[in-house]
Amino acid sequence: MRTAVIALLVALTAACGGGSKSGASIRTCIDHHLPAGAVDRVFASTEEGVTSLNYFHNGSETDVTIFKSAADAVDAEEAEARLGDAHDRRIKNVLYSGGGAIEAAVVQCVK
């Protein structure tokens, strides 16, 4: 019975989009949703399980930071606010800023 309840909870969480997405899956999705010519270059790095994606286009930058969990993203968001650097927006386990087609793709891929 306990196993059935746990399986049901896992299925419901997945169906509601409650799970965190990985940096690799989000980057692949963003690349798929971007129109041709929307990015000049991308810098990607992962350190201590946190993936940073920096998209550059025509002198503008869009930053995407993917944390292991939504709770980790909330902690980072709160730390930025304490430093007076609270310009990022958050969806689930992802903080992002920058705008344009890249940000629209981020929102589409993370929601």
Protein backbone atom coordinates (compact mmCIF):
# COMPACT_ATOMS: atom_id res chain seq x y z
CA MET A 1 0.00 0.00 0.00
CA ARG A 2 2.77 2.43 0.94
CA THR A 3 4.54 1.79 -2.37
CA ALA A 4 1.32 2.47 -4.29
CA VAL A 5 0.82 5.79 -2.47
CA ILE A 6 4.41 6.87 -3.18
CA ALA A 7 4.07 5.91 -6.85
CA LEU A 8 0.84 7.90 -7.08
CA LEU A 9 2.45 10.97 -5.50
CA VAL A 10 5.42 10.78 -7.87
CA ALA A 11 3.09 10.46 -10.87
CA LEU A 12 0.99 13.43 -9.73
CA THR A 13 4.04 15.59 -9.15
CA ALA A 14 5.38 14.80 -12.61
CA ALA A 15 1.99 15.43 -14.21
CA CYS A 16 1.75 18.83 -12.54
CA GLY A 17 5.22 19.88 -13.69
CA GLY A 18 6.57 19.92 -10.15
CA GLY A 19 9.93 18.43 -11.04
CA SER A 20 13.10 20.36 -11.67
CA LYS A 21 14.58 20.23 -15.15
CA SER A 22 18.27 19.68 -15.80
CA GLY A 23 20.60 22.21 -17.35
CA ALA A 24 21.17 19.99 -20.38
CA SER A 25 17.46 19.49 -21.06
CA ILE A 26 16.72 23.20 -20.69
CA ARG A 27 19.58 24.19 -23.01
CA THR A 28 18.42 21.70 -25.65
CA CYS A 29 14.87 23.03 -25.40
CA ILE A 30 16.00 26.68 -25.61
CA ASP A 31 18.09 25.93 -28.69
CA HIS A 32 15.07 24.25 -30.29
CA HIS A 33 12.78 27.25 -29.60
CA LEU A 34 15.11 30.03 -30.73
CA PRO A 35 14.65 31.55 -34.16
CA ALA A 36 17.62 31.44 -36.53
CA GLY A 37 20.15 34.18 -35.80
CA ALA A 38 18.87 34.89 -32.27
CA VAL A 39 22.21 33.98 -30.64
CA ASP A 40 25.77 34.95 -31.52
CA ARG A 41 27.40 32.72 -28.91
CA VAL A 42 26.65 30.76 -25.75
CA PHE A 43 28.86 30.26 -22.73
CA ALA A 44 27.87 27.29 -20.56
CA SER A 45 29.39 26.06 -17.33
CA THR A 46 28.43 23.78 -14.46
CA GLU A 47 29.86 24.05 -10.98
CA GLU A 48 28.66 22.23 -7.87
CA GLY A 49 25.54 21.10 -9.73
CA VAL A 50 24.50 24.60 -10.83
CA THR A 51 24.47 25.22 -14.58
CA SER A 52 24.97 28.73 -15.96
CA LEU A 53 24.03 29.56 -19.54
CA ASN A 54 25.00 32.97 -20.91
CA TYR A 55 23.51 33.81 -24.30
CA PHE A 56 24.98 36.74 -26.25
CA HIS A 57 23.41 38.55 -29.19
CA ASN A 58 24.19 41.99 -30.66
CA GLY A 59 25.92 43.13 -27.47
CA SER A 60 23.07 41.98 -25.18
CA GLU A 61 23.28 39.14 -22.71
CA THR A 62 20.63 36.81 -21.32
CA ASP A 63 21.64 34.82 -18.25
CA VAL A 64 20.06 31.54 -17.20
CA THR A 65 21.03 29.75 -13.99
CA ILE A 66 19.66 26.26 -13.38
CA PHE A 67 19.73 24.96 -9.82
CA LYS A 68 19.20 21.40 -8.57
CA SER A 69 15.89 22.36 -6.97
CA ALA A 70 13.39 25.20 -6.73
CA ALA A 71 14.38 25.64 -3.07
CA ASP A 72 18.00 26.25 -4.12
CA ALA A 73 16.80 28.82 -6.68
CA VAL A 74 14.72 30.59 -4.02
CA ASP A 75 17.74 30.71 -1.71
CA ALA A 76 19.87 32.25 -4.48
CA GLU A 77 17.13 34.75 -5.32
CA GLU A 78 16.92 35.81 -1.67
CA ALA A 79 20.72 36.12 -1.45
CA GLU A 80 20.69 38.41 -4.51
CA ALA A 81 18.00 40.54 -2.89
CA ARG A 82 20.12 40.92 0.26
CA LEU A 83 23.00 42.14 -1.93
CA GLY A 84 20.75 44.60 -3.75
CA ASP A 85 21.07 42.65 -7.01
CA ALA A 86 17.53 41.30 -7.33
CA HIS A 87 16.89 41.66 -11.06
CA ASP A 88 16.42 37.98 -11.96
CA ARG A 89 13.06 36.31 -12.41
CA ARG A 90 12.42 32.74 -11.30
CA ILE A 91 10.43 29.80 -12.63
CA LYS A 92 10.80 26.58 -10.66
CA ASN A 93 14.54 25.84 -10.34
CA VAL A 94 15.66 28.49 -12.86
CA LEU A 95 16.70 32.13 -12.45
CA TYR A 96 16.89 34.18 -15.65
CA SER A 97 17.27 37.73 -16.92
CA GLY A 98 17.90 39.53 -20.17
CA GLY A 99 14.79 39.62 -22.34
CA GLY A 100 14.04 39.10 -26.00
CA ALA A 101 13.66 35.86 -27.91
CA ILE A 102 16.06 34.03 -25.61
CA GLU A 103 14.07 34.87 -22.49
CA ALA A 104 10.84 33.87 -24.23
CA ALA A 105 12.41 30.49 -25.06
CA VAL A 106 13.55 30.08 -21.43
CA VAL A 107 10.03 30.71 -20.16
CA GLN A 108 8.56 28.27 -22.70
CA CYS A 109 11.05 25.55 -21.76
CA VAL A 110 10.86 25.87 -17.98
CA LYS A 111 7.16 26.43 -17.32
